[in-house]
């Protein structure tokens, strides 16, 4: 079962970036697939952002390792919309099937909606999934 939570992307005048969301997760060897992306920043592997967005929208999405994903997230200025999932193996992920099944087959599902909301899900199979949820919720608490 995947446990989901929603967070505002903006807290006061500060934005919660993708790298903040990823920082709540443990190190892992999952296959990360960006199944949809719209945003600004530096695209991976010296491609243009337009090319990356096209690749992410193709069947199976764009495959990242954990270190590649963390590096990409650090180079982003803004995420407008995205669907990012962590799955076992390197086989392509079917966005339509995953959405129909409410991302139940994923370790993690991260959605950015209209530059205003994060919808975050973590499977109960993930070690310390409750701690991940707590760290996500801490992102919106004042320091």
N, C-alpha and C. Protein backbone atom coordinates (compact mmCIF):
# COMPACT_ATOMS: atom_id res chain seq x y z
N UNK A 1 0.84 -1.18 0.00
CA UNK A 1 0.00 0.00 0.00
C UNK A 1 0.88 1.25 0.00
N UNK A 2 0.48 2.21 -0.79
CA UNK A 2 1.25 3.45 -0.85
C UNK A 2 0.53 4.51 -0.01
N UNK A 3 1.29 5.17 0.85
CA UNK A 3 0.76 6.22 1.71
C UNK A 3 1.06 7.56 1.06
N UNK A 4 0.02 8.36 0.87
CA UNK A 4 0.17 9.62 0.14
C UNK A 4 -0.08 10.82 1.06
N UNK A 5 0.58 11.91 0.72
CA UNK A 5 0.37 13.17 1.40
C UNK A 5 0.52 14.30 0.39
N UNK A 6 -0.13 15.39 0.65
CA UNK A 6 -0.02 16.58 -0.21
C UNK A 6 0.63 17.71 0.57
N UNK A 7 1.47 18.45 -0.13
CA UNK A 7 2.15 19.61 0.47
C UNK A 7 2.05 20.78 -0.49
N UNK A 8 1.94 21.99 0.04
CA UNK A 8 2.03 23.15 -0.86
C UNK A 8 3.46 23.25 -1.37
N UNK A 9 3.61 23.70 -2.60
CA UNK A 9 4.95 23.88 -3.15
C UNK A 9 5.60 25.15 -2.62
N UNK A 10 4.76 26.09 -2.21
CA UNK A 10 5.25 27.36 -1.70
C UNK A 10 4.88 27.50 -0.23
N UNK A 11 5.84 27.89 0.60
CA UNK A 11 5.61 28.18 2.01
C UNK A 11 6.12 29.61 2.22
N UNK A 12 5.19 30.51 2.51
CA UNK A 12 5.50 31.94 2.53
C UNK A 12 6.07 32.30 1.16
N UNK A 13 7.27 32.81 1.09
CA UNK A 13 7.86 33.15 -0.22
C UNK A 13 8.93 32.15 -0.64
N UNK A 14 9.03 31.03 0.08
CA UNK A 14 10.03 30.00 -0.24
C UNK A 14 9.38 28.85 -0.98
N UNK A 15 10.12 28.28 -1.92
CA UNK A 15 9.61 27.16 -2.70
C UNK A 15 10.23 25.86 -2.19
N UNK A 16 9.42 24.84 -2.08
CA UNK A 16 9.92 23.49 -1.78
C UNK A 16 10.30 22.88 -3.12
N UNK A 17 11.59 22.67 -3.30
CA UNK A 17 12.11 22.16 -4.57
C UNK A 17 12.13 20.63 -4.58
N UNK A 18 12.29 20.06 -5.76
CA UNK A 18 12.37 18.61 -5.89
C UNK A 18 13.53 18.06 -5.06
N UNK A 19 14.65 18.74 -5.01
CA UNK A 19 15.78 18.22 -4.23
C UNK A 19 15.46 18.17 -2.74
N UNK A 20 14.58 19.06 -2.26
CA UNK A 20 14.14 18.98 -0.86
C UNK A 20 13.29 17.73 -0.65
N UNK A 21 12.38 17.46 -1.57
CA UNK A 21 11.51 16.28 -1.48
C UNK A 21 12.35 15.01 -1.50
N UNK A 22 13.32 14.95 -2.40
CA UNK A 22 14.17 13.76 -2.50
C UNK A 22 15.05 13.59 -1.27
N UNK A 23 15.41 14.70 -0.63
CA UNK A 23 16.27 14.63 0.55
C UNK A 23 15.65 13.89 1.72
N UNK A 24 14.35 13.69 1.69
CA UNK A 24 13.66 12.96 2.76
C UNK A 24 13.76 11.44 2.58
N UNK A 25 14.23 11.02 1.42
CA UNK A 25 14.27 9.59 1.11
C UNK A 25 15.61 8.96 1.46
N UNK A 26 15.61 7.65 1.76
CA UNK A 26 16.87 6.97 2.02
C UNK A 26 17.64 6.73 0.72
N UNK A 27 18.94 6.53 0.85
CA UNK A 27 19.73 6.10 -0.32
C UNK A 27 19.07 4.84 -0.87
N UNK A 28 19.13 4.67 -2.19
CA UNK A 28 18.45 3.53 -2.78
C UNK A 28 19.05 3.16 -4.13
N UNK A 29 18.67 1.99 -4.62
CA UNK A 29 19.12 1.52 -5.92
C UNK A 29 17.93 1.28 -6.84
N UNK A 30 16.82 1.97 -6.59
CA UNK A 30 15.64 1.81 -7.42
C UNK A 30 15.85 2.43 -8.79
N UNK A 31 15.03 2.01 -9.73
CA UNK A 31 15.00 2.64 -11.05
C UNK A 31 14.01 3.79 -10.95
N UNK A 32 14.47 4.99 -11.19
CA UNK A 32 13.63 6.18 -11.13
C UNK A 32 13.23 6.56 -12.53
N UNK A 33 11.92 6.72 -12.75
CA UNK A 33 11.41 7.07 -14.08
C UNK A 33 10.62 8.36 -14.01
N UNK A 34 11.08 9.34 -14.77
CA UNK A 34 10.33 10.58 -14.93
C UNK A 34 9.36 10.32 -16.08
N UNK A 35 8.07 10.29 -15.76
CA UNK A 35 7.05 9.94 -16.74
C UNK A 35 6.38 11.16 -17.35
N UNK A 36 6.58 12.30 -16.72
CA UNK A 36 6.09 13.58 -17.25
C UNK A 36 6.90 14.67 -16.56
N UNK A 37 7.27 15.71 -17.32
CA UNK A 37 8.02 16.80 -16.71
C UNK A 37 7.80 18.09 -17.47
N UNK A 38 7.60 19.15 -16.71
CA UNK A 38 7.59 20.52 -17.22
C UNK A 38 8.27 21.37 -16.15
N UNK A 39 9.31 22.08 -16.53
CA UNK A 39 10.01 22.88 -15.54
C UNK A 39 11.16 23.66 -16.16
N UNK A 40 11.93 24.31 -15.28
CA UNK A 40 13.05 25.12 -15.73
C UNK A 40 14.31 24.74 -14.98
N UNK A 41 15.41 24.78 -15.69
CA UNK A 41 16.70 24.44 -15.11
C UNK A 41 17.56 23.76 -16.15
N UNK A 42 18.55 23.02 -15.69
CA UNK A 42 19.47 22.34 -16.59
C UNK A 42 19.02 20.90 -16.79
N UNK A 43 18.80 20.53 -18.03
CA UNK A 43 18.37 19.17 -18.37
C UNK A 43 19.52 18.20 -18.16
N UNK A 44 19.21 16.91 -17.99
CA UNK A 44 20.28 15.92 -17.81
C UNK A 44 21.05 15.66 -19.10
N UNK A 45 22.28 15.23 -18.92
CA UNK A 45 23.16 14.79 -20.02
C UNK A 45 23.26 15.80 -21.16
N UNK A 46 23.33 17.05 -20.82
CA UNK A 46 23.57 18.14 -21.77
C UNK A 46 22.53 18.22 -22.88
N UNK A 47 21.33 17.68 -22.65
CA UNK A 47 20.26 17.86 -23.63
C UNK A 47 19.56 19.18 -23.30
N UNK A 48 18.70 19.61 -24.20
CA UNK A 48 17.91 20.79 -23.91
C UNK A 48 16.74 20.38 -23.01
N UNK A 49 16.16 21.33 -22.31
CA UNK A 49 15.01 21.02 -21.47
C UNK A 49 13.84 20.55 -22.32
N UNK A 50 13.69 21.12 -23.49
CA UNK A 50 12.61 20.69 -24.40
C UNK A 50 12.78 19.23 -24.79
N UNK A 51 14.02 18.83 -25.13
CA UNK A 51 14.27 17.43 -25.49
C UNK A 51 14.01 16.50 -24.30
N UNK A 52 14.45 16.93 -23.11
CA UNK A 52 14.21 16.11 -21.92
C UNK A 52 12.72 15.95 -21.66
N UNK A 53 11.96 17.04 -21.74
CA UNK A 53 10.52 16.95 -21.53
C UNK A 53 9.88 16.00 -22.52
N UNK A 54 10.35 16.03 -23.79
CA UNK A 54 9.83 15.08 -24.79
C UNK A 54 10.17 13.65 -24.42
N UNK A 55 11.41 13.41 -24.00
CA UNK A 55 11.83 12.06 -23.61
C UNK A 55 11.03 11.56 -22.41
N UNK A 56 10.78 12.43 -21.44
CA UNK A 56 10.03 12.02 -20.26
C UNK A 56 8.60 11.64 -20.63
N UNK A 57 8.04 12.28 -21.65
CA UNK A 57 6.67 12.01 -22.06
C UNK A 57 6.49 10.78 -22.92
N UNK A 58 7.58 10.18 -23.34
CA UNK A 58 7.47 8.96 -24.16
C UNK A 58 7.16 7.75 -23.29
N UNK A 59 6.63 6.69 -23.91
CA UNK A 59 6.35 5.48 -23.12
C UNK A 59 7.60 5.01 -22.37
N UNK A 60 7.45 4.74 -21.09
CA UNK A 60 8.57 4.32 -20.26
C UNK A 60 9.28 5.46 -19.58
N UNK A 61 9.07 6.69 -20.07
CA UNK A 61 9.66 7.86 -19.43
C UNK A 61 11.17 7.93 -19.58
N UNK A 62 11.78 8.73 -18.74
CA UNK A 62 13.24 8.94 -18.72
C UNK A 62 13.80 8.26 -17.49
N UNK A 63 14.75 7.37 -17.69
CA UNK A 63 15.33 6.58 -16.60
C UNK A 63 16.49 7.30 -15.93
N UNK A 64 16.43 7.36 -14.59
CA UNK A 64 17.51 7.92 -13.77
C UNK A 64 17.96 6.87 -12.76
N UNK A 65 19.24 6.89 -12.42
CA UNK A 65 19.71 6.23 -11.20
C UNK A 65 19.49 7.24 -10.07
N UNK A 66 19.62 6.79 -8.83
CA UNK A 66 19.46 7.70 -7.69
C UNK A 66 20.47 8.86 -7.75
N UNK A 67 21.77 8.61 -7.96
CA UNK A 67 22.71 9.74 -8.03
C UNK A 67 22.40 10.68 -9.20
N UNK A 68 22.01 10.14 -10.34
CA UNK A 68 21.66 11.00 -11.48
C UNK A 68 20.45 11.87 -11.16
N UNK A 69 19.45 11.29 -10.53
CA UNK A 69 18.25 12.05 -10.18
C UNK A 69 18.57 13.15 -9.18
N UNK A 70 19.35 12.84 -8.16
CA UNK A 70 19.71 13.85 -7.16
C UNK A 70 20.48 15.01 -7.82
N UNK A 71 21.39 14.69 -8.72
CA UNK A 71 22.13 15.74 -9.43
C UNK A 71 21.22 16.59 -10.30
N UNK A 72 20.32 15.95 -11.04
CA UNK A 72 19.36 16.68 -11.86
C UNK A 72 18.52 17.61 -11.01
N UNK A 73 18.01 17.11 -9.89
CA UNK A 73 17.15 17.92 -9.03
C UNK A 73 17.88 19.15 -8.50
N UNK A 74 19.17 19.04 -8.24
CA UNK A 74 19.96 20.18 -7.75
C UNK A 74 20.08 21.28 -8.81
N UNK A 75 19.97 20.91 -10.07
CA UNK A 75 20.15 21.88 -11.16
C UNK A 75 18.82 22.48 -11.65
N UNK A 76 17.72 22.17 -10.97
CA UNK A 76 16.43 22.72 -11.37
C UNK A 76 16.16 24.04 -10.67
N UNK A 77 15.53 24.95 -11.40
CA UNK A 77 15.10 26.22 -10.82
C UNK A 77 13.64 26.13 -10.37
N UNK A 78 12.84 25.40 -11.15
CA UNK A 78 11.43 25.28 -10.82
C UNK A 78 10.86 24.03 -11.50
N UNK A 79 9.99 23.34 -10.78
CA UNK A 79 9.22 22.24 -11.34
C UNK A 79 7.78 22.72 -11.44
N UNK A 80 7.24 22.71 -12.64
CA UNK A 80 5.84 23.12 -12.83
C UNK A 80 4.92 21.92 -12.67
N UNK A 81 5.20 20.87 -13.42
CA UNK A 81 4.42 19.63 -13.36
C UNK A 81 5.38 18.47 -13.55
N UNK A 82 5.16 17.40 -12.82
CA UNK A 82 5.95 16.19 -13.07
C UNK A 82 5.26 14.98 -12.46
N UNK A 83 5.61 13.84 -13.01
CA UNK A 83 5.27 12.54 -12.42
C UNK A 83 6.57 11.75 -12.42
N UNK A 84 7.01 11.37 -11.23
CA UNK A 84 8.27 10.67 -11.02
C UNK A 84 7.99 9.47 -10.13
N UNK A 85 8.46 8.29 -10.56
CA UNK A 85 8.22 7.08 -9.77
C UNK A 85 9.52 6.31 -9.58
N UNK A 86 9.58 5.59 -8.47
CA UNK A 86 10.68 4.67 -8.20
C UNK A 86 10.10 3.26 -8.25
N UNK A 87 10.70 2.43 -9.10
CA UNK A 87 10.22 1.06 -9.30
C UNK A 87 11.40 0.10 -9.24
N UNK A 88 11.08 -1.20 -9.13
CA UNK A 88 12.13 -2.22 -9.20
C UNK A 88 12.53 -2.43 -10.65
N UNK A 89 13.78 -2.72 -10.85
CA UNK A 89 14.25 -3.07 -12.18
C UNK A 89 14.26 -1.90 -13.13
N UNK A 90 14.71 -2.18 -14.33
CA UNK A 90 14.86 -1.14 -15.31
C UNK A 90 13.84 -1.26 -16.44
N UNK A 91 12.80 -2.08 -16.23
CA UNK A 91 11.79 -2.22 -17.26
C UNK A 91 10.95 -0.95 -17.33
N UNK A 92 10.48 -0.61 -18.52
CA UNK A 92 9.70 0.62 -18.66
C UNK A 92 8.46 0.62 -17.78
N UNK A 93 8.11 1.78 -17.30
CA UNK A 93 6.91 1.95 -16.48
C UNK A 93 5.80 2.52 -17.37
N UNK A 94 4.60 2.04 -17.20
CA UNK A 94 3.44 2.48 -17.96
C UNK A 94 2.66 3.48 -17.11
N UNK A 95 2.74 4.76 -17.47
CA UNK A 95 2.10 5.81 -16.68
C UNK A 95 0.60 5.57 -16.53
N UNK A 96 -0.07 5.20 -17.61
CA UNK A 96 -1.52 4.99 -17.52
C UNK A 96 -1.85 3.89 -16.52
N UNK A 97 -1.11 2.78 -16.57
CA UNK A 97 -1.38 1.68 -15.64
C UNK A 97 -1.07 2.11 -14.21
N UNK A 98 0.06 2.78 -14.01
CA UNK A 98 0.43 3.22 -12.67
C UNK A 98 -0.61 4.17 -12.08
N UNK A 99 -1.10 5.11 -12.91
CA UNK A 99 -2.11 6.04 -12.42
C UNK A 99 -3.42 5.32 -12.10
N UNK A 100 -3.82 4.36 -12.95
CA UNK A 100 -5.05 3.59 -12.69
C UNK A 100 -4.95 2.82 -11.39
N UNK A 101 -3.76 2.33 -11.10
CA UNK A 101 -3.54 1.53 -9.89
C UNK A 101 -3.08 2.39 -8.71
N UNK A 102 -3.23 3.70 -8.83
CA UNK A 102 -2.86 4.65 -7.77
C UNK A 102 -1.42 4.45 -7.31
N UNK A 103 -0.53 4.13 -8.25
CA UNK A 103 0.90 3.99 -8.00
C UNK A 103 1.24 2.88 -7.01
N UNK A 104 0.34 1.90 -6.85
CA UNK A 104 0.54 0.83 -5.86
C UNK A 104 1.78 -0.02 -6.12
N UNK A 105 2.22 -0.14 -7.35
CA UNK A 105 3.40 -0.95 -7.65
C UNK A 105 4.72 -0.22 -7.47
N UNK A 106 4.68 1.01 -7.02
CA UNK A 106 5.88 1.84 -6.90
C UNK A 106 6.38 1.87 -5.47
N UNK A 107 7.68 2.11 -5.32
CA UNK A 107 8.24 2.39 -3.99
C UNK A 107 7.90 3.81 -3.59
N UNK A 108 8.03 4.73 -4.56
CA UNK A 108 7.77 6.14 -4.32
C UNK A 108 7.09 6.71 -5.56
N UNK A 109 6.15 7.61 -5.34
CA UNK A 109 5.51 8.37 -6.42
C UNK A 109 5.50 9.84 -6.03
N UNK A 110 6.01 10.67 -6.91
CA UNK A 110 6.10 12.11 -6.66
C UNK A 110 5.43 12.83 -7.82
N UNK A 111 4.47 13.67 -7.49
CA UNK A 111 3.80 14.47 -8.51
C UNK A 111 3.89 15.94 -8.13
N UNK A 112 4.19 16.77 -9.11
CA UNK A 112 4.12 18.22 -8.96
C UNK A 112 2.95 18.68 -9.81
N UNK A 113 2.10 19.53 -9.23
CA UNK A 113 0.88 19.95 -9.92
C UNK A 113 0.83 21.47 -10.00
N UNK A 114 0.82 21.99 -11.23
CA UNK A 114 0.63 23.42 -11.49
C UNK A 114 1.50 24.35 -10.66
N UNK A 115 2.73 24.00 -10.42
CA UNK A 115 3.66 24.84 -9.65
C UNK A 115 3.14 25.21 -8.28
N UNK A 116 2.17 24.42 -7.76
CA UNK A 116 1.58 24.81 -6.49
C UNK A 116 1.46 23.72 -5.46
N UNK A 117 1.57 22.46 -5.87
CA UNK A 117 1.34 21.37 -4.92
C UNK A 117 2.23 20.18 -5.25
N UNK A 118 2.72 19.55 -4.19
CA UNK A 118 3.38 18.26 -4.28
C UNK A 118 2.41 17.20 -3.77
N UNK A 119 2.26 16.12 -4.51
CA UNK A 119 1.52 14.95 -4.03
C UNK A 119 2.55 13.84 -3.96
N UNK A 120 2.81 13.38 -2.75
CA UNK A 120 3.93 12.48 -2.48
C UNK A 120 3.42 11.17 -1.92
N UNK A 121 3.95 10.08 -2.42
CA UNK A 121 3.54 8.78 -1.91
C UNK A 121 4.75 7.88 -1.69
N UNK A 122 4.69 7.10 -0.62
CA UNK A 122 5.76 6.15 -0.32
C UNK A 122 5.09 4.83 0.09
N UNK A 123 5.64 3.73 -0.40
CA UNK A 123 5.09 2.41 -0.10
C UNK A 123 5.44 2.00 1.32
N UNK A 124 4.53 1.29 1.92
CA UNK A 124 4.81 0.74 3.26
C UNK A 124 5.91 -0.32 3.21
N UNK A 125 6.29 -0.76 2.02
CA UNK A 125 7.39 -1.72 1.89
C UNK A 125 8.76 -1.04 2.05
N UNK A 126 8.77 0.28 1.92
CA UNK A 126 10.03 1.03 2.05
C UNK A 126 10.41 1.08 3.53
N UNK A 127 11.64 0.66 3.86
CA UNK A 127 12.07 0.76 5.26
C UNK A 127 11.92 2.20 5.77
N UNK A 128 11.39 2.32 6.96
CA UNK A 128 11.21 3.62 7.61
C UNK A 128 10.30 4.56 6.82
N UNK A 129 9.26 4.01 6.17
CA UNK A 129 8.36 4.84 5.38
C UNK A 129 7.71 5.92 6.23
N UNK A 130 7.46 5.63 7.50
CA UNK A 130 6.84 6.64 8.37
C UNK A 130 7.77 7.82 8.60
N UNK A 131 9.06 7.55 8.70
CA UNK A 131 10.04 8.63 8.86
C UNK A 131 10.11 9.49 7.59
N UNK A 132 9.97 8.88 6.43
CA UNK A 132 9.93 9.64 5.17
C UNK A 132 8.76 10.60 5.19
N UNK A 133 7.59 10.11 5.56
CA UNK A 133 6.40 10.97 5.65
C UNK A 133 6.62 12.12 6.62
N UNK A 134 7.20 11.83 7.76
CA UNK A 134 7.45 12.88 8.75
C UNK A 134 8.40 13.93 8.20
N UNK A 135 9.46 13.50 7.50
CA UNK A 135 10.41 14.47 6.92
C UNK A 135 9.74 15.31 5.84
N UNK A 136 8.85 14.69 5.04
CA UNK A 136 8.12 15.48 4.05
C UNK A 136 7.27 16.54 4.73
N UNK A 137 6.56 16.17 5.77
CA UNK A 137 5.70 17.14 6.47
C UNK A 137 6.53 18.23 7.13
N UNK A 138 7.74 17.91 7.55
CA UNK A 138 8.62 18.92 8.15
C UNK A 138 9.03 20.00 7.15
N UNK A 139 8.93 19.70 5.86
CA UNK A 139 9.30 20.69 4.84
C UNK A 139 8.42 21.94 4.89
N UNK A 140 7.22 21.82 5.42
CA UNK A 140 6.31 22.98 5.45
C UNK A 140 6.24 23.66 6.81
N UNK A 141 6.98 23.13 7.78
CA UNK A 141 6.98 23.74 9.11
C UNK A 141 7.98 24.88 9.16
N UNK A 142 7.63 25.96 9.84
CA UNK A 142 8.59 27.08 9.97
C UNK A 142 9.81 26.64 10.78
N UNK A 143 10.94 27.20 10.42
CA UNK A 143 12.19 26.87 11.10
C UNK A 143 12.34 27.71 12.33
